[in-house]
Amino acid sequence: MPIDPEKLREFPVQLPTEQLQERMGIELVTLSLDEVVGRMPVAGNRQPFGLLHGGASAVLAETLGSTLSALHALPDRFPVGLELACTHHRSATEGYVTGVARPIHIGRSTSTTEIVITDERGRRTCTAKLTCLHRDTRPEA
Protein backbone atom coordinates (compact mmCIF):
# COMPACT_ATOMS: atom_id res chain seq x y z
CA MET A 1 0.00 0.00 0.00
CA PRO A 2 1.52 3.38 -0.96
CA ILE A 3 2.07 6.13 1.59
CA ASP A 4 -0.32 9.05 1.79
CA PRO A 5 1.90 12.02 0.79
CA GLU A 6 0.28 14.15 3.51
CA LYS A 7 1.41 11.68 6.20
CA LEU A 8 4.92 11.57 4.77
CA ARG A 9 5.21 15.35 5.00
CA GLU A 10 4.46 15.06 8.72
CA PHE A 11 7.26 12.55 9.27
CA PRO A 12 10.90 13.69 9.67
CA VAL A 13 12.57 11.19 7.31
CA GLN A 14 15.73 13.28 7.30
CA LEU A 15 16.35 13.91 10.96
CA PRO A 16 18.31 16.95 12.13
CA THR A 17 21.97 16.56 13.01
CA GLU A 18 23.11 15.15 16.34
CA GLN A 19 20.48 12.40 16.33
CA LEU A 20 21.28 8.78 17.14
CA GLN A 21 20.15 7.58 13.71
CA GLU A 22 22.79 9.78 12.08
CA ARG A 23 25.57 8.78 14.50
CA MET A 24 24.86 5.09 13.88
CA GLY A 25 24.92 5.59 10.09
CA ILE A 26 21.34 4.34 9.66
CA GLU A 27 19.83 5.01 6.25
CA LEU A 28 16.13 4.60 5.50
CA VAL A 29 15.88 2.86 2.13
CA THR A 30 12.17 2.13 1.62
CA LEU A 31 9.12 3.67 3.27
CA SER A 32 5.62 2.28 2.82
CA LEU A 33 2.68 1.40 5.04
CA ASP A 34 3.51 -2.29 4.53
CA GLU A 35 7.22 -2.15 5.32
CA VAL A 36 10.12 0.10 6.21
CA VAL A 37 13.61 -0.97 5.14
CA GLY A 38 16.83 0.51 6.43
CA ARG A 39 20.50 -0.36 6.65
CA MET A 40 23.38 0.33 9.00
CA PRO A 41 27.14 -0.19 8.72
CA VAL A 42 28.80 -2.69 11.02
CA ALA A 43 31.94 -0.50 11.15
CA GLY A 44 31.61 1.99 13.97
CA ASN A 45 28.87 -0.08 15.63
CA ARG A 46 30.95 -2.99 16.95
CA GLN A 47 31.44 -4.21 20.51
CA PRO A 48 35.00 -4.75 21.87
CA PHE A 49 35.32 -8.23 20.28
CA GLY A 50 34.77 -6.93 16.74
CA LEU A 51 31.15 -8.08 16.38
CA LEU A 52 28.16 -5.89 15.64
CA HIS A 53 26.95 -4.64 19.03
CA GLY A 54 23.56 -6.04 20.07
CA GLY A 55 22.56 -2.55 21.17
CA ALA A 56 23.25 -1.29 17.65
CA SER A 57 20.84 -3.91 16.28
CA ALA A 58 18.29 -2.71 18.83
CA VAL A 59 18.74 0.89 17.69
CA LEU A 60 18.22 -0.13 14.06
CA ALA A 61 15.14 -2.18 15.00
CA GLU A 62 13.55 0.61 17.03
CA THR A 63 14.30 3.18 14.33
CA LEU A 64 12.58 1.09 11.65
CA GLY A 65 9.68 -0.05 13.80
CA SER A 66 8.89 3.39 15.15
CA THR A 67 9.14 4.83 11.63
CA LEU A 68 6.55 2.31 10.43
CA SER A 69 4.30 3.14 13.39
CA ALA A 70 4.66 6.86 12.67
CA LEU A 71 3.65 6.39 9.05
CA HIS A 72 0.41 4.82 10.26
CA ALA A 73 -0.29 7.08 13.26
CA LEU A 74 0.66 10.57 12.08
CA PRO A 75 -0.60 13.25 11.93
CA ASP A 76 -3.36 12.51 14.47
CA ARG A 77 -1.31 10.44 16.92
CA PHE A 78 2.39 10.27 17.79
CA PRO A 79 4.04 6.87 18.48
CA VAL A 80 6.58 6.30 21.23
CA GLY A 81 8.36 3.04 21.98
CA LEU A 82 6.74 1.01 24.74
CA GLU A 83 8.57 -2.33 24.56
CA LEU A 84 11.42 -3.70 22.46
CA ALA A 85 12.53 -7.35 22.46
CA CYS A 86 15.53 -8.55 20.43
CA THR A 87 16.81 -12.05 19.79
CA HIS A 88 20.35 -12.14 18.38
CA HIS A 89 20.88 -15.16 16.14
CA ARG A 90 24.38 -14.64 14.73
CA SER A 91 27.05 -12.01 14.58
CA ALA A 92 27.97 -9.65 11.77
CA THR A 93 31.57 -8.46 11.51
CA GLU A 94 31.68 -6.34 8.36
CA GLY A 95 29.64 -4.62 5.68
CA TYR A 96 26.07 -3.58 6.32
CA VAL A 97 23.10 -5.11 8.05
CA THR A 98 19.63 -4.51 6.64
CA GLY A 99 16.44 -4.38 8.64
CA VAL A 100 12.92 -4.90 7.36
CA ALA A 101 10.03 -3.79 9.59
CA ARG A 102 6.55 -5.16 8.92
CA PRO A 103 3.38 -4.55 10.93
CA ILE A 104 1.96 -7.27 13.15
CA HIS A 105 -0.80 -5.03 14.57
CA ILE A 106 -1.77 -1.44 13.81
CA GLY A 107 -4.42 -0.04 16.12
CA ARG A 108 -5.56 3.37 17.29
CA SER A 109 -3.63 3.32 20.57
CA THR A 110 -0.82 0.77 19.90
CA SER A 111 1.10 -0.85 17.10
CA THR A 112 3.39 -3.86 17.09
CA THR A 113 6.04 -4.43 14.45
CA GLU A 114 8.38 -7.31 13.64
CA ILE A 115 11.84 -6.30 12.47
CA VAL A 116 14.14 -8.83 10.79
CA ILE A 117 17.80 -7.85 10.46
CA THR A 118 20.09 -9.72 8.04
CA ASP A 119 23.74 -9.50 7.03
CA GLU A 120 24.97 -8.94 3.48
CA ARG A 121 24.72 -12.67 2.77
CA GLY A 122 21.03 -12.65 3.69
CA ARG A 123 21.57 -14.49 6.99
CA ARG A 124 19.30 -13.46 9.85
CA THR A 125 21.30 -11.79 12.59
CA CYS A 126 18.47 -10.48 14.76
CA THR A 127 14.70 -10.68 15.11
CA ALA A 128 13.03 -7.89 17.05
CA LYS A 129 9.51 -6.97 18.07
CA LEU A 130 8.60 -3.37 18.91
CA THR A 131 5.36 -2.17 20.46
CA CYS A 132 4.61 1.54 20.30
CA LEU A 133 2.04 3.55 22.22
CA HIS A 134 0.21 6.09 20.04
CA ARG A 135 -0.08 9.32 22.04
CA ASP A 136 -2.53 12.14 21.39
CA THR A 137 0.25 14.71 21.67
CA ARG A 138 3.86 14.83 20.64
CA PRO A 139 6.26 14.54 23.60
CA GLU A 140 8.20 17.71 24.29
CA ALA A 141 11.93 17.67 23.46
C-alpha atoms as a PDB file:
ATOM      1  CA  MET A   1       0.000   0.000   0.000  1.00  0.00           C
ATOM      2  CA  PRO A   2       1.520   3.380  -0.963  1.00  0.00           C
ATOM      3  CA  ILE A   3       2.067   6.127   1.586  1.00  0.00           C
ATOM      4  CA  ASP A   4      -0.324   9.054   1.792  1.00  0.00           C
ATOM      5  CA  PRO A   5       1.898  12.020   0.789  1.00  0.00           C
ATOM      6  CA  GLU A   6       0.283  14.151   3.507  1.00  0.00           C
ATOM      7  CA  LYS A   7       1.408  11.684   6.200  1.00  0.00           C
ATOM      8  CA  LEU A   8       4.920  11.566   4.770  1.00  0.00           C
ATOM      9  CA  ARG A   9       5.214  15.354   5.004  1.00  0.00           C
ATOM     10  CA  GLU A  10       4.459  15.057   8.719  1.00  0.00           C
ATOM     11  CA  PHE A  11       7.265  12.550   9.274  1.00  0.00           C
ATOM     12  CA  PRO A  12      10.899  13.688   9.669  1.00  0.00           C
ATOM     13  CA  VAL A  13      12.568  11.189   7.313  1.00  0.00           C
ATOM     14  CA  GLN A  14      15.734  13.280   7.296  1.00  0.00           C
ATOM     15  CA  LEU A  15      16.345  13.914  10.963  1.00  0.00           C
ATOM     16  CA  PRO A  16      18.309  16.949  12.133  1.00  0.00           C
ATOM     17  CA  THR A  17      21.971  16.557  13.005  1.00  0.00           C
ATOM     18  CA  GLU A  18      23.110  15.148  16.336  1.00  0.00           C
ATOM     19  CA  GLN A  19      20.476  12.396  16.332  1.00  0.00           C
ATOM     20  CA  LEU A  20      21.276   8.777  17.145  1.00  0.00           C
ATOM     21  CA  GLN A  21      20.147   7.580  13.713  1.00  0.00           C
ATOM     22  CA  GLU A  22      22.787   9.777  12.084  1.00  0.00           C
ATOM     23  CA  ARG A  23      25.571   8.779  14.505  1.00  0.00           C
ATOM     24  CA  MET A  24      24.864   5.087  13.881  1.00  0.00           C
ATOM     25  CA  GLY A  25      24.918   5.593  10.090  1.00  0.00           C
ATOM     26  CA  ILE A  26      21.337   4.341   9.661  1.00  0.00           C
ATOM     27  CA  GLU A  27      19.835   5.008   6.249  1.00  0.00           C
ATOM     28  CA  LEU A  28      16.134   4.603   5.496  1.00  0.00           C
ATOM     29  CA  VAL A  29      15.880   2.858   2.126  1.00  0.00           C
ATOM     30  CA  THR A  30      12.166   2.133   1.618  1.00  0.00           C
ATOM     31  CA  LEU A  31       9.124   3.670   3.272  1.00  0.00           C
ATOM     32  CA  SER A  32       5.619   2.276   2.823  1.00  0.00           C
ATOM     33  CA  LEU A  33       2.679   1.404   5.043  1.00  0.00           C
ATOM     34  CA  ASP A  34       3.505  -2.289   4.534  1.00  0.00           C
ATOM     35  CA  GLU A  35       7.225  -2.150   5.319  1.00  0.00           C
ATOM     36  CA  VAL A  36      10.121   0.097   6.208  1.00  0.00           C
ATOM     37  CA  VAL A  37      13.611  -0.966   5.136  1.00  0.00           C
ATOM     38  CA  GLY A  38      16.833   0.515   6.432  1.00  0.00           C
ATOM     39  CA  ARG A  39      20.499  -0.359   6.654  1.00  0.00           C
ATOM     40  CA  MET A  40      23.378   0.330   9.005  1.00  0.00           C
ATOM     41  CA  PRO A  41      27.140  -0.191   8.720  1.00  0.00           C
ATOM     42  CA  VAL A  42      28.802  -2.693  11.021  1.00  0.00           C
ATOM     43  CA  ALA A  43      31.936  -0.504  11.147  1.00  0.00           C
ATOM     44  CA  GLY A  44      31.606   1.992  13.970  1.00  0.00           C
ATOM     45  CA  ASN A  45      28.867  -0.083  15.626  1.00  0.00           C
ATOM     46  CA  ARG A  46      30.949  -2.988  16.949  1.00  0.00           C
ATOM     47  CA  GLN A  47      31.441  -4.212  20.505  1.00  0.00           C
ATOM     48  CA  PRO A  48      34.999  -4.751  21.869  1.00  0.00           C
ATOM     49  CA  PHE A  49      35.324  -8.231  20.277  1.00  0.00           C
ATOM     50  CA  GLY A  50      34.768  -6.928  16.739  1.00  0.00           C
ATOM     51  CA  LEU A  51      31.149  -8.081  16.376  1.00  0.00           C
ATOM     52  CA  LEU A  52      28.157  -5.892  15.643  1.00  0.00           C
ATOM     53  CA  HIS A  53      26.952  -4.641  19.031  1.00  0.00           C
ATOM     54  CA  GLY A  54      23.564  -6.036  20.073  1.00  0.00           C
ATOM     55  CA  GLY A  55      22.564  -2.553  21.175  1.00  0.00           C
ATOM     56  CA  ALA A  56      23.250  -1.286  17.648  1.00  0.00           C
ATOM     57  CA  SER A  57      20.844  -3.908  16.277  1.00  0.00           C
ATOM     58  CA  ALA A  58      18.287  -2.712  18.830  1.00  0.00           C
ATOM     59  CA  VAL A  59      18.735   0.894  17.693  1.00  0.00           C
ATOM     60  CA  LEU A  60      18.216  -0.126  14.056  1.00  0.00           C
ATOM     61  CA  ALA A  61      15.138  -2.185  15.001  1.00  0.00           C
ATOM     62  CA  GLU A  62      13.551   0.613  17.034  1.00  0.00           C
ATOM     63  CA  THR A  63      14.297   3.177  14.325  1.00  0.00           C
ATOM     64  CA  LEU A  64      12.585   1.089  11.648  1.00  0.00           C
ATOM     65  CA  GLY A  65       9.680  -0.054  13.799  1.00  0.00           C
ATOM     66  CA  SER A  66       8.892   3.394  15.148  1.00  0.00           C
ATOM     67  CA  THR A  67       9.138   4.829  11.631  1.00  0.00           C
ATOM     68  CA  LEU A  68       6.555   2.308  10.428  1.00  0.00           C
ATOM     69  CA  SER A  69       4.295   3.142  13.387  1.00  0.00           C
ATOM     70  CA  ALA A  70       4.664   6.862  12.668  1.00  0.00           C
ATOM     71  CA  LEU A  71       3.647   6.392   9.046  1.00  0.00           C
ATOM     72  CA  HIS A  72       0.406   4.820  10.265  1.00  0.00           C
ATOM     73  CA  ALA A  73      -0.291   7.084  13.258  1.00  0.00           C
ATOM     74  CA  LEU A  74       0.663  10.573  12.081  1.00  0.00           C
ATOM     75  CA  PRO A  75      -0.597  13.249  11.932  1.00  0.00           C
ATOM     76  CA  ASP A  76      -3.363  12.508  14.473  1.00  0.00           C
ATOM     77  CA  ARG A  77      -1.310  10.444  16.922  1.00  0.00           C
ATOM     78  CA  PHE A  78       2.388  10.267  17.792  1.00  0.00           C
ATOM     79  CA  PRO A  79       4.041   6.875  18.478  1.00  0.00           C
ATOM     80  CA  VAL A  80       6.576   6.303  21.229  1.00  0.00           C
ATOM     81  CA  GLY A  81       8.365   3.042  21.979  1.00  0.00           C
ATOM     82  CA  LEU A  82       6.736   1.010  24.739  1.00  0.00           C
ATOM     83  CA  GLU A  83       8.569  -2.330  24.561  1.00  0.00           C
ATOM     84  CA  LEU A  84      11.423  -3.701  22.458  1.00  0.00           C
ATOM     85  CA  ALA A  85      12.534  -7.346  22.462  1.00  0.00           C
ATOM     86  CA  CYS A  86      15.532  -8.552  20.434  1.00  0.00           C
ATOM     87  CA  THR A  87      16.807 -12.051  19.786  1.00  0.00           C
ATOM     88  CA  HIS A  88      20.351 -12.136  18.385  1.00  0.00           C
ATOM     89  CA  HIS A  89      20.878 -15.163  16.135  1.00  0.00           C
ATOM     90  CA  ARG A  90      24.378 -14.645  14.733  1.00  0.00           C
ATOM     91  CA  SER A  91      27.049 -12.009  14.584  1.00  0.00           C
ATOM     92  CA  ALA A  92      27.966  -9.652  11.772  1.00  0.00           C
ATOM     93  CA  THR A  93      31.567  -8.460  11.510  1.00  0.00           C
ATOM     94  CA  GLU A  94      31.680  -6.344   8.359  1.00  0.00           C
ATOM     95  CA  GLY A  95      29.645  -4.618   5.679  1.00  0.00           C
ATOM     96  CA  TYR A  96      26.070  -3.580   6.320  1.00  0.00           C
ATOM     97  CA  VAL A  97      23.098  -5.107   8.051  1.00  0.00           C
ATOM     98  CA  THR A  98      19.629  -4.507   6.636  1.00  0.00           C
ATOM     99  CA  GLY A  99      16.440  -4.376   8.639  1.00  0.00           C
ATOM    100  CA  VAL A 100      12.918  -4.905   7.359  1.00  0.00           C
ATOM    101  CA  ALA A 101      10.035  -3.791   9.588  1.00  0.00           C
ATOM    102  CA  ARG A 102       6.553  -5.160   8.917  1.00  0.00           C
ATOM    103  CA  PRO A 103       3.383  -4.549  10.931  1.00  0.00           C
ATOM    104  CA  ILE A 104       1.957  -7.268  13.151  1.00  0.00           C
ATOM    105  CA  HIS A 105      -0.804  -5.032  14.567  1.00  0.00           C
ATOM    106  CA  ILE A 106      -1.771  -1.440  13.806  1.00  0.00           C
ATOM    107  CA  GLY A 107      -4.422  -0.036  16.124  1.00  0.00           C
ATOM    108  CA  ARG A 108      -5.556   3.366  17.287  1.00  0.00           C
ATOM    109  CA  SER A 109      -3.626   3.315  20.569  1.00  0.00           C
ATOM    110  CA  THR A 110      -0.819   0.774  19.905  1.00  0.00           C
ATOM    111  CA  SER A 111       1.095  -0.849  17.099  1.00  0.00           C
ATOM    112  CA  THR A 112       3.392  -3.862  17.088  1.00  0.00           C
ATOM    113  CA  THR A 113       6.040  -4.434  14.446  1.00  0.00           C
ATOM    114  CA  GLU A 114       8.380  -7.311  13.643  1.00  0.00           C
ATOM    115  CA  ILE A 115      11.839  -6.299  12.467  1.00  0.00           C
ATOM    116  CA  VAL A 116      14.143  -8.835  10.794  1.00  0.00           C
ATOM    117  CA  ILE A 117      17.802  -7.854  10.456  1.00  0.00           C
ATOM    118  CA  THR A 118      20.085  -9.716   8.041  1.00  0.00           C
ATOM    119  CA  ASP A 119      23.741  -9.497   7.030  1.00  0.00           C
ATOM    120  CA  GLU A 120      24.972  -8.936   3.477  1.00  0.00           C
ATOM    121  CA  ARG A 121      24.724 -12.671   2.773  1.00  0.00           C
ATOM    122  CA  GLY A 122      21.025 -12.653   3.695  1.00  0.00           C
ATOM    123  CA  ARG A 123      21.568 -14.494   6.986  1.00  0.00           C
ATOM    124  CA  ARG A 124      19.304 -13.462   9.848  1.00  0.00           C
ATOM    125  CA  THR A 125      21.303 -11.786  12.591  1.00  0.00           C
ATOM    126  CA  CYS A 126      18.470 -10.480  14.759  1.00  0.00           C
ATOM    127  CA  THR A 127      14.703 -10.684  15.111  1.00  0.00           C
ATOM    128  CA  ALA A 128      13.028  -7.894  17.048  1.00  0.00           C
ATOM    129  CA  LYS A 129       9.512  -6.965  18.075  1.00  0.00           C
ATOM    130  CA  LEU A 130       8.600  -3.369  18.907  1.00  0.00           C
ATOM    131  CA  THR A 131       5.359  -2.172  20.459  1.00  0.00           C
ATOM    132  CA  CYS A 132       4.613   1.543  20.304  1.00  0.00           C
ATOM    133  CA  LEU A 133       2.041   3.554  22.217  1.00  0.00           C
ATOM    134  CA  HIS A 134       0.213   6.089  20.044  1.00  0.00           C
ATOM    135  CA  ARG A 135      -0.079   9.320  22.040  1.00  0.00           C
ATOM    136  CA  ASP A 136      -2.528  12.137  21.390  1.00  0.00           C
ATOM    137  CA  THR A 137       0.247  14.715  21.671  1.00  0.00           C
ATOM    138  CA  ARG A 138       3.861  14.827  20.640  1.00  0.00           C
ATOM    139  CA  PRO A 139       6.259  14.536  23.601  1.00  0.00           C
ATOM    140  CA  GLU A 140       8.202  17.710  24.294  1.00  0.00           C
ATOM    141  CA  ALA A 141      11.928  17.666  23.464  1.00  0.00           C
END
